[in-house]
Amino acid sequence: MTLAPDQLDAYLAKIGVNQPVSLDHDSLSKLHRAHLMTFTWEALDAFMGWPSSIAPAAAFTKMVKSQRGGWCYEMNGLFGAALDALGFRVTRLCSGVNREILGDAVIGNHLSLRVDLDRPYLAEVGLSDAIVEPVPLAPGPISQRGFDFSIMPTDDGWLRFRNHTRGMAHSFDFRPDYSDEIAISSMLGWLTQDPGSPFTNALAILRHTPNGYVSLKNDCLCRVTADSTTEQRISSADQLADTFATIFHIDVPPYEGVWEKIQTIRGEATT
């Protein structure tokens, strides 16, 4: 899965990065960070029941041509397609968020990326609040911007990426050579349509900042750094629209409908 030359040019212009001269770790890191600082992680489509796709071409239209963000399938999908178009060796990894808790039933609910350079690297722009630069795909501790992560082997032969202690997703499991597009496609339907999906029952949006990130879960706006967390409540549809535009830099015209669903969820939670 790759981008056409004109799409690649548009993508690079969007993230503000020139085409790299060499395909090395420095170039990959620069692209990785620029992608995360440009695009907002958001699962609005699943929350609102809007159409969603795992195809990088669809993510390109949504995120580059329009003023929207994306979730793991789109964030990592678009990034992987751009890397492939640049000449990087990219493998799409079929992963499972919270597999340590929920078991193999969740395999395919997350897409991650392996990029082979001098050694394999984990490129991960789709786990919302995790790493901002690629890391060696090998067991060990990871520290970025004061947040602590790790990759450790599991007892059954997988690798587990463990998020920082404030992370929305605690962990995801993957194998360095495991790709399964059928499993990913199958999980897309459940995540976007099933009442049991965490994304159909709660609004989740996140954008990285230089020293942390800002997130929105339903009507709770949260700013997080390695040392602090502050919260603020969104109190109206107009404030929600302003938050979309000025903090998350996404254009969501039917914001009144989003606010109505948030209010419905809040009402159900208090009854």
C-alpha atoms as a PDB file:
ATOM      1  CA  MET A   1       0.000   0.000   0.000  1.00  0.00           C
ATOM      2  CA  THR A   2       1.594   3.199  -1.189  1.00  0.00           C
ATOM      3  CA  LEU A   3       0.884   6.776  -2.268  1.00  0.00           C
ATOM      4  CA  ALA A   4       1.046   8.041  -5.832  1.00  0.00           C
ATOM      5  CA  PRO A   5       3.747  10.670  -6.541  1.00  0.00           C
ATOM      6  CA  ASP A   6       1.287  13.586  -6.445  1.00  0.00           C
ATOM      7  CA  GLN A   7      -0.208  12.271  -3.208  1.00  0.00           C
ATOM      8  CA  LEU A   8       3.244  11.954  -1.661  1.00  0.00           C
ATOM      9  CA  ASP A   9       4.038  15.559  -2.604  1.00  0.00           C
ATOM     10  CA  ALA A  10       0.784  16.724  -1.019  1.00  0.00           C
ATOM     11  CA  TYR A  11       1.440  14.676   2.124  1.00  0.00           C
ATOM     12  CA  LEU A  12       4.956  16.062   2.578  1.00  0.00           C
ATOM     13  CA  ALA A  13       3.676  19.597   2.044  1.00  0.00           C
ATOM     14  CA  LYS A  14       0.972  18.994   4.657  1.00  0.00           C
ATOM     15  CA  ILE A  15       3.453  17.877   7.334  1.00  0.00           C
ATOM     16  CA  GLY A  16       6.020  20.491   6.299  1.00  0.00           C
ATOM     17  CA  VAL A  17       8.886  18.142   5.487  1.00  0.00           C
ATOM     18  CA  ASN A  18      11.014  17.968   2.335  1.00  0.00           C
ATOM     19  CA  GLN A  19      11.581  14.626   0.662  1.00  0.00           C
ATOM     20  CA  PRO A  20      14.502  13.069   2.553  1.00  0.00           C
ATOM     21  CA  VAL A  21      17.842  12.770   0.802  1.00  0.00           C
ATOM     22  CA  SER A  22      18.635   9.476   2.517  1.00  0.00           C
ATOM     23  CA  LEU A  23      16.491   6.745   4.041  1.00  0.00           C
ATOM     24  CA  ASP A  24      17.934   6.564   7.531  1.00  0.00           C
ATOM     25  CA  HIS A  25      16.859   6.753  11.149  1.00  0.00           C
ATOM     26  CA  ASP A  26      17.134  10.539  11.287  1.00  0.00           C
ATOM     27  CA  SER A  27      14.849  10.942   8.281  1.00  0.00           C
ATOM     28  CA  LEU A  28      12.358   8.426   9.660  1.00  0.00           C
ATOM     29  CA  SER A  29      12.311  10.187  13.032  1.00  0.00           C
ATOM     30  CA  LYS A  30      11.757  13.583  11.444  1.00  0.00           C
ATOM     31  CA  LEU A  31       8.832  12.257   9.397  1.00  0.00           C
ATOM     32  CA  HIS A  32       7.387  10.391  12.399  1.00  0.00           C
ATOM     33  CA  ARG A  33       7.383  13.458  14.635  1.00  0.00           C
ATOM     34  CA  ALA A  34       6.110  15.777  11.885  1.00  0.00           C
ATOM     35  CA  HIS A  35       3.203  13.436  11.162  1.00  0.00           C
ATOM     36  CA  LEU A  36       2.173  13.391  14.830  1.00  0.00           C
ATOM     37  CA  MET A  37       2.497  17.143  15.223  1.00  0.00           C
ATOM     38  CA  THR A  38       0.394  17.713  12.094  1.00  0.00           C
ATOM     39  CA  PHE A  39      -2.449  15.220  12.386  1.00  0.00           C
ATOM     40  CA  THR A  40      -4.877  14.775  15.242  1.00  0.00           C
ATOM     41  CA  TRP A  41      -5.698  11.286  16.443  1.00  0.00           C
ATOM     42  CA  GLU A  42      -9.488  10.999  16.446  1.00  0.00           C
ATOM     43  CA  ALA A  43     -12.167   8.333  16.318  1.00  0.00           C
ATOM     44  CA  LEU A  44     -15.120  10.552  15.400  1.00  0.00           C
ATOM     45  CA  ASP A  45     -16.258   8.284  12.574  1.00  0.00           C
ATOM     46  CA  ALA A  46     -16.759   5.331  14.902  1.00  0.00           C
ATOM     47  CA  PHE A  47     -18.384   7.514  17.559  1.00  0.00           C
ATOM     48  CA  MET A  48     -20.878   9.017  15.131  1.00  0.00           C
ATOM     49  CA  GLY A  49     -21.418   5.954  12.941  1.00  0.00           C
ATOM     50  CA  TRP A  50     -19.917   7.624   9.883  1.00  0.00           C
ATOM     51  CA  PRO A  51     -18.295   5.501   7.123  1.00  0.00           C
ATOM     52  CA  SER A  52     -14.718   4.411   7.797  1.00  0.00           C
ATOM     53  CA  SER A  53     -12.044   2.586   5.798  1.00  0.00           C
ATOM     54  CA  ILE A  54      -8.638   1.020   6.407  1.00  0.00           C
ATOM     55  CA  ALA A  55      -7.434   1.975   2.907  1.00  0.00           C
ATOM     56  CA  PRO A  56      -4.571   4.512   2.925  1.00  0.00           C
ATOM     57  CA  ALA A  57      -6.156   6.210  -0.096  1.00  0.00           C
ATOM     58  CA  ALA A  58      -9.247   6.965   1.988  1.00  0.00           C
ATOM     59  CA  ALA A  59      -7.071   8.227   4.848  1.00  0.00           C
ATOM     60  CA  PHE A  60      -5.224  10.497   2.397  1.00  0.00           C
ATOM     61  CA  THR A  61      -8.489  12.053   1.222  1.00  0.00           C
ATOM     62  CA  LYS A  62      -9.740  12.526   4.774  1.00  0.00           C
ATOM     63  CA  MET A  63      -6.541  13.742   6.425  1.00  0.00           C
ATOM     64  CA  VAL A  64      -4.497  15.469   3.719  1.00  0.00           C
ATOM     65  CA  LYS A  65      -7.172  16.864   1.399  1.00  0.00           C
ATOM     66  CA  SER A  66      -9.656  17.558   4.188  1.00  0.00           C
ATOM     67  CA  GLN A  67      -9.123  18.969   7.665  1.00  0.00           C
ATOM     68  CA  ARG A  68      -9.588  15.788   9.671  1.00  0.00           C
ATOM     69  CA  GLY A  69      -7.471  13.396  11.693  1.00  0.00           C
ATOM     70  CA  GLY A  70      -7.618   9.634  11.994  1.00  0.00           C
ATOM     71  CA  TRP A  71      -7.240   6.658  14.298  1.00  0.00           C
ATOM     72  CA  CYS A  72      -4.715   3.808  14.187  1.00  0.00           C
ATOM     73  CA  TYR A  73      -5.779   2.297  10.843  1.00  0.00           C
ATOM     74  CA  GLU A  74      -5.671   5.735   9.220  1.00  0.00           C
ATOM     75  CA  MET A  75      -2.750   7.327  11.072  1.00  0.00           C
ATOM     76  CA  ASN A  76      -0.416   4.365  10.678  1.00  0.00           C
ATOM     77  CA  GLY A  77      -1.963   3.467   7.329  1.00  0.00           C
ATOM     78  CA  LEU A  78      -1.269   6.867   5.794  1.00  0.00           C
ATOM     79  CA  PHE A  79       2.177   7.087   7.378  1.00  0.00           C
ATOM     80  CA  GLY A  80       3.122   3.616   6.161  1.00  0.00           C
ATOM     81  CA  ALA A  81       1.920   4.375   2.640  1.00  0.00           C
ATOM     82  CA  ALA A  82       3.971   7.584   2.589  1.00  0.00           C
ATOM     83  CA  LEU A  83       7.068   5.786   3.866  1.00  0.00           C
ATOM     84  CA  ASP A  84       6.619   3.105   1.224  1.00  0.00           C
ATOM     85  CA  ALA A  85       6.345   5.757  -1.499  1.00  0.00           C
ATOM     86  CA  LEU A  86       9.582   7.293  -0.224  1.00  0.00           C
ATOM     87  CA  GLY A  87      11.353   3.946  -0.522  1.00  0.00           C
ATOM     88  CA  PHE A  88      11.401   2.765   3.092  1.00  0.00           C
ATOM     89  CA  ARG A  89      10.877  -0.959   3.722  1.00  0.00           C
ATOM     90  CA  VAL A  90       7.592  -1.040   5.614  1.00  0.00           C
ATOM     91  CA  THR A  91       5.615  -3.956   7.058  1.00  0.00           C
ATOM     92  CA  ARG A  92       2.067  -3.468   8.333  1.00  0.00           C
ATOM     93  CA  LEU A  93       1.750  -5.351  11.624  1.00  0.00           C
ATOM     94  CA  CYS A  94      -1.523  -6.861  12.827  1.00  0.00           C
ATOM     95  CA  SER A  95      -1.616  -6.056  16.542  1.00  0.00           C
ATOM     96  CA  GLY A  96      -3.932  -6.325  19.530  1.00  0.00           C
ATOM     97  CA  VAL A  97      -4.558  -3.494  21.987  1.00  0.00           C
ATOM     98  CA  ASN A  98      -5.125  -4.791  25.533  1.00  0.00           C
ATOM     99  CA  ARG A  99      -4.512  -8.387  24.459  1.00  0.00           C
ATOM    100  CA  GLU A 100      -2.961  -8.968  27.882  1.00  0.00           C
ATOM    101  CA  ILE A 101      -6.449  -8.400  29.367  1.00  0.00           C
ATOM    102  CA  LEU A 102      -8.862  -9.488  26.635  1.00  0.00           C
ATOM    103  CA  GLY A 103      -6.947 -12.264  24.899  1.00  0.00           C
ATOM    104  CA  ASP A 104      -6.660 -13.184  21.223  1.00  0.00           C
ATOM    105  CA  ALA A 105     -10.150 -11.895  20.387  1.00  0.00           C
ATOM    106  CA  VAL A 106      -8.672  -8.391  19.985  1.00  0.00           C
ATOM    107  CA  ILE A 107      -5.986  -9.319  17.442  1.00  0.00           C
ATOM    108  CA  GLY A 108      -6.459  -6.972  14.503  1.00  0.00           C
ATOM    109  CA  ASN A 109      -7.888  -4.073  16.496  1.00  0.00           C
ATOM    110  CA  HIS A 110      -4.650  -2.167  15.965  1.00  0.00           C
ATOM    111  CA  LEU A 111      -2.336  -1.540  13.012  1.00  0.00           C
ATOM    112  CA  SER A 112       1.308  -0.813  13.707  1.00  0.00           C
ATOM    113  CA  LEU A 113       4.382  -0.534  11.479  1.00  0.00           C
ATOM    114  CA  ARG A 114       7.812  -2.122  11.223  1.00  0.00           C
ATOM    115  CA  VAL A 115      10.403  -0.178   9.253  1.00  0.00           C
ATOM    116  CA  ASP A 116      13.655  -1.933   8.338  1.00  0.00           C
ATOM    117  CA  LEU A 117      16.771   0.248   8.226  1.00  0.00           C
ATOM    118  CA  ASP A 118      20.094  -0.719   9.799  1.00  0.00           C
ATOM    119  CA  ARG A 119      17.842  -2.700  12.143  1.00  0.00           C
ATOM    120  CA  PRO A 120      14.062  -3.084  12.506  1.00  0.00           C
ATOM    121  CA  TYR A 121      12.230  -0.132  14.052  1.00  0.00           C
ATOM    122  CA  LEU A 122       8.728   0.198  15.462  1.00  0.00           C
ATOM    123  CA  ALA A 123       7.040   3.205  13.870  1.00  0.00           C
ATOM    124  CA  GLU A 124       3.878   3.996  15.806  1.00  0.00           C
ATOM    125  CA  VAL A 125       1.822   7.115  15.085  1.00  0.00           C
ATOM    126  CA  GLY A 126      -1.511   5.407  15.728  1.00  0.00           C
ATOM    127  CA  LEU A 127      -1.616   4.692  19.476  1.00  0.00           C
ATOM    128  CA  SER A 128      -2.765   8.247  20.199  1.00  0.00           C
ATOM    129  CA  ASP A 129      -0.687   9.175  23.262  1.00  0.00           C
ATOM    130  CA  ALA A 130       2.444   7.033  22.895  1.00  0.00           C
ATOM    131  CA  ILE A 131       5.861   7.549  21.291  1.00  0.00           C
ATOM    132  CA  VAL A 132       6.611  10.503  19.025  1.00  0.00           C
ATOM    133  CA  GLU A 133       9.694   8.993  17.388  1.00  0.00           C
ATOM    134  CA  PRO A 134      10.381   5.440  16.131  1.00  0.00           C
ATOM    135  CA  VAL A 135      12.172   3.036  18.464  1.00  0.00           C
ATOM    136  CA  PRO A 136      14.249  -0.097  17.878  1.00  0.00           C
ATOM    137  CA  LEU A 137      12.014  -3.114  17.574  1.00  0.00           C
ATOM    138  CA  ALA A 138      13.641  -4.954  20.464  1.00  0.00           C
ATOM    139  CA  PRO A 139      12.890  -5.616  24.128  1.00  0.00           C
ATOM    140  CA  GLY A 140      13.856  -2.885  26.521  1.00  0.00           C
ATOM    141  CA  PRO A 141      12.806   0.350  28.253  1.00  0.00           C
ATOM    142  CA  ILE A 142      11.924   3.484  26.278  1.00  0.00           C
ATOM    143  CA  SER A 143      11.818   7.082  27.459  1.00  0.00           C
ATOM    144  CA  GLN A 144      10.626  10.045  25.398  1.00  0.00           C
ATOM    145  CA  ARG A 145       9.739  13.553  26.644  1.00  0.00           C
ATOM    146  CA  GLY A 146       9.742  12.251  30.234  1.00  0.00           C
ATOM    147  CA  PHE A 147       7.192   9.474  29.533  1.00  0.00           C
ATOM    148  CA  ASP A 148       8.288   5.868  30.112  1.00  0.00           C
ATOM    149  CA  PHE A 149       7.372   2.996  27.790  1.00  0.00           C
ATOM    150  CA  SER A 150       8.738  -0.470  27.158  1.00  0.00           C
ATOM    151  CA  ILE A 151       8.771  -3.397  24.756  1.00  0.00           C
ATOM    152  CA  MET A 152       8.894  -6.761  26.474  1.00  0.00           C
ATOM    153  CA  PRO A 153       8.351 -10.368  25.346  1.00  0.00           C
ATOM    154  CA  THR A 154       5.196 -12.147  26.479  1.00  0.00           C
ATOM    155  CA  ASP A 155       5.064 -15.709  27.741  1.00  0.00           C
ATOM    156  CA  ASP A 156       3.451 -16.902  24.497  1.00  0.00           C
ATOM    157  CA  GLY A 157       6.005 -15.482  22.073  1.00  0.00           C
ATOM    158  CA  TRP A 158       4.577 -12.053  21.232  1.00  0.00           C
ATOM    159  CA  LEU A 159       6.074  -8.659  21.989  1.00  0.00           C
ATOM    160  CA  ARG A 160       4.174  -6.223  24.195  1.00  0.00           C
ATOM    161  CA  PHE A 161       4.478  -2.464  23.836  1.00  0.00           C
ATOM    162  CA  ARG A 162       3.510  -0.990  27.186  1.00  0.00           C
ATOM    163  CA  ASN A 163       2.273   2.590  27.161  1.00  0.00           C
ATOM    164  CA  HIS A 164       3.102   5.173  29.824  1.00  0.00           C
ATOM    165  CA  THR A 165       1.092   5.122  33.054  1.00  0.00           C
ATOM    166  CA  ARG A 166      -1.347   7.840  31.928  1.00  0.00           C
ATOM    167  CA  GLY A 167      -1.909   6.259  28.510  1.00  0.00           C
ATOM    168  CA  MET A 168      -5.448   5.646  27.250  1.00  0.00           C
ATOM    169  CA  ALA A 169      -4.438   2.245  25.849  1.00  0.00           C
ATOM    170  CA  HIS A 170      -2.377   0.298  28.375  1.00  0.00           C
ATOM    171  CA  SER A 171      -0.545  -1.883  25.860  1.00  0.00           C
ATOM    172  CA  PHE A 172      -0.639  -3.656  22.530  1.00  0.00           C
ATOM    173  CA  ASP A 173       0.818  -7.015  21.502  1.00  0.00           C
ATOM    174  CA  PHE A 174       2.447  -7.717  18.152  1.00  0.00           C
ATOM    175  CA  ARG A 175       4.855 -10.039  16.396  1.00  0.00           C
ATOM    176  CA  PRO A 176       7.572  -8.534  14.185  1.00  0.00           C
ATOM    177  CA  ASP A 177       6.618 -10.693  11.180  1.00  0.00           C
ATOM    178  CA  TYR A 178       2.850 -10.942  11.597  1.00  0.00           C
ATOM    179  CA  SER A 179       0.626  -9.227   9.017  1.00  0.00           C
ATOM    180  CA  ASP A 180      -3.041 -10.151   8.618  1.00  0.00           C
ATOM    181  CA  GLU A 181      -5.135  -7.714   6.592  1.00  0.00           C
ATOM    182  CA  ILE A 182      -8.205  -9.955   6.892  1.00  0.00           C
ATOM    183  CA  ALA A 183      -8.087  -9.790  10.688  1.00  0.00           C
ATOM    184  CA  ILE A 184      -7.710  -6.017  10.568  1.00  0.00           C
ATOM    185  CA  SER A 185     -10.642  -5.646   8.155  1.00  0.00           C
ATOM    186  CA  SER A 186     -12.785  -7.884  10.338  1.00  0.00           C
ATOM    187  CA  MET A 187     -12.054  -5.844  13.457  1.00  0.00           C
ATOM    188  CA  LEU A 188     -12.855  -2.586  11.667  1.00  0.00           C
ATOM    189  CA  GLY A 189     -16.510  -3.578  11.450  1.00  0.00           C
ATOM    190  CA  TRP A 190     -16.724  -4.423  15.134  1.00  0.00           C
ATOM    191  CA  LEU A 191     -14.910  -1.284  16.271  1.00  0.00           C
ATOM    192  CA  THR A 192     -17.097   1.045  14.186  1.00  0.00           C
ATOM    193  CA  GLN A 193     -20.503  -0.622  14.523  1.00  0.00           C
ATOM    194  CA  ASP A 194     -20.805  -2.810  17.610  1.00  0.00           C
ATOM    195  CA  PRO A 195     -22.386  -1.277  20.731  1.00  0.00           C
ATOM    196  CA  GLY A 196     -19.654  -2.992  22.753  1.00  0.00           C
ATOM    197  CA  SER A 197     -16.874  -1.114  20.985  1.00  0.00           C
ATOM    198  CA  PRO A 198     -15.143   1.483  23.164  1.00  0.00           C
ATOM    199  CA  PHE A 199     -15.157   3.896  20.225  1.00  0.00           C
ATOM    200  CA  THR A 200     -18.917   3.838  19.641  1.00  0.00           C
ATOM    201  CA  ASN A 201     -19.573   4.640  23.297  1.00  0.00           C
ATOM    202  CA  ALA A 202     -17.134   7.474  23.933  1.00  0.00           C
ATOM    203  CA  LEU A 203     -15.691  10.350  21.951  1.00  0.00           C
ATOM    204  CA  ALA A 204     -11.882  10.165  21.870  1.00  0.00           C
ATOM    205  CA  ILE A 205      -9.618  12.834  20.329  1.00  0.00           C
ATOM    206  CA  LEU A 206      -5.938  13.565  20.989  1.00  0.00           C
ATOM    207  CA  ARG A 207      -3.232  15.831  19.660  1.00  0.00           C
ATOM    208  CA  HIS A 208       0.442  15.855  20.586  1.00  0.00           C
ATOM    209  CA  THR A 209       2.164  18.991  21.829  1.00  0.00           C
ATOM    210  CA  PRO A 210       5.911  19.605  22.175  1.00  0.00           C
ATOM    211  CA  ASN A 211       5.962  18.363  25.787  1.00  0.00           C
ATOM    212  CA  GLY A 212       2.908  16.110  26.000  1.00  0.00           C
ATOM    213  CA  TYR A 213      -0.577  16.049  24.544  1.00  0.00           C
ATOM    214  CA  VAL A 214      -4.109  17.360  24.867  1.00  0.00           C
ATOM    215  CA  SER A 215      -7.041  14.958  24.755  1.00  0.00           C
ATOM    216  CA  LEU A 216     -10.820  15.090  24.714  1.00  0.00           C
ATOM    217  CA  LYS A 217     -12.915  12.256  26.100  1.00  0.00           C
ATOM    218  CA  ASN A 218     -16.564  13.144  25.684  1.00  0.00           C
ATOM    219  CA  ASP A 219     -16.769  16.594  27.330  1.00  0.00           C
ATOM    220  CA  CYS A 220     -13.540  16.392  29.370  1.00  0.00           C
ATOM    221  CA  LEU A 221     -10.577  18.253  27.897  1.00  0.00           C
ATOM    222  CA  CYS A 222      -7.303  17.113  29.442  1.00  0.00           C
ATOM    223  CA  ARG A 223      -3.786  18.521  29.044  1.00  0.00           C
ATOM    224  CA  VAL A 224      -1.014  16.095  29.972  1.00  0.00           C
ATOM    225  CA  THR A 225       2.738  16.397  30.377  1.00  0.00           C
ATOM    226  CA  ALA A 226       5.109  14.005  32.096  1.00  0.00           C
ATOM    227  CA  ASP A 227       4.712  16.043  35.296  1.00  0.00           C
ATOM    228  CA  SER A 228       1.155  17.368  35.286  1.00  0.00           C
ATOM    229  CA  THR A 229      -2.454  16.850  34.256  1.00  0.00           C
ATOM    230  CA  THR A 230      -5.159  19.511  34.067  1.00  0.00           C
ATOM    231  CA  GLU A 231      -8.816  19.057  33.166  1.00  0.00           C
ATOM    232  CA  GLN A 232     -11.526  21.330  31.807  1.00  0.00           C
ATOM    233  CA  ARG A 233     -15.175  20.646  30.993  1.00  0.00           C
ATOM    234  CA  ILE A 234     -16.701  21.542  27.634  1.00  0.00           C
ATOM    235  CA  SER A 235     -20.107  23.070  28.365  1.00  0.00           C
ATOM    236  CA  SER A 236     -21.742  23.820  25.007  1.00  0.00           C
ATOM    237  CA  ALA A 237     -21.881  22.863  21.339  1.00  0.00           C
ATOM    238  CA  ASP A 238     -20.222  26.141  20.374  1.00  0.00           C
ATOM    239  CA  GLN A 239     -17.363  25.544  22.804  1.00  0.00           C
ATOM    240  CA  LEU A 240     -16.969  22.055  21.364  1.00  0.00           C
ATOM    241  CA  ALA A 241     -16.759  23.491  17.841  1.00  0.00           C
ATOM    242  CA  ASP A 242     -14.160  26.019  18.988  1.00  0.00           C
ATOM    243  CA  THR A 243     -12.175  23.226  20.655  1.00  0.00           C
ATOM    244  CA  PHE A 244     -12.230  21.192  17.441  1.00  0.00           C
ATOM    245  CA  ALA A 245     -10.960  24.181  15.433  1.00  0.00           C
ATOM    246  CA  THR A 246      -8.425  25.860  17.724  1.00  0.00           C
ATOM    247  CA  ILE A 247      -6.991  22.986  19.761  1.00  0.00           C
ATOM    248  CA  PHE A 248      -7.350  19.928  17.549  1.00  0.00           C
ATOM    249  CA  HIS A 249      -7.283  21.721  14.164  1.00  0.00           C
ATOM    250  CA  ILE A 250     -10.030  19.576  12.659  1.00  0.00           C
ATOM    251  CA  ASP A 251     -13.109  20.664  10.741  1.00  0.00           C
ATOM    252  CA  VAL A 252     -16.256  18.847  11.897  1.00  0.00           C
ATOM    253  CA  PRO A 253     -19.235  20.750  10.415  1.00  0.00           C
ATOM    254  CA  PRO A 254     -22.056  18.709  12.050  1.00  0.00           C
ATOM    255  CA  TYR A 255     -20.660  19.443  15.511  1.00  0.00           C
ATOM    256  CA  GLU A 256     -24.147  19.906  16.972  1.00  0.00           C
ATOM    257  CA  GLY A 257     -24.810  16.197  16.405  1.00  0.00           C
ATOM    258  CA  VAL A 258     -21.545  15.301  18.146  1.00  0.00           C
ATOM    259  CA  TRP A 259     -22.526  17.442  21.122  1.00  0.00           C
ATOM    260  CA  GLU A 260     -25.984  15.855  21.268  1.00  0.00           C
ATOM    261  CA  LYS A 261     -24.469  12.372  21.430  1.00  0.00           C
ATOM    262  CA  ILE A 262     -22.061  13.453  24.168  1.00  0.00           C
ATOM    263  CA  GLN A 263     -24.998  14.779  26.152  1.00  0.00           C
ATOM    264  CA  THR A 264     -26.878  11.521  25.648  1.00  0.00           C
ATOM    265  CA  ILE A 265     -23.917   9.536  26.942  1.00  0.00           C
ATOM    266  CA  ARG A 266     -23.582  11.804  29.963  1.00  0.00           C
ATOM    267  CA  GLY A 267     -27.267  11.375  30.720  1.00  0.00           C
ATOM    268  CA  GLU A 268     -27.024   7.601  30.502  1.00  0.00           C
ATOM    269  CA  ALA A 269     -23.985   7.615  32.779  1.00  0.00           C
ATOM    270  CA  THR A 270     -25.833   9.527  35.520  1.00  0.00           C
ATOM    271  CA  THR A 271     -29.036   7.475  35.499  1.00  0.00           C
END
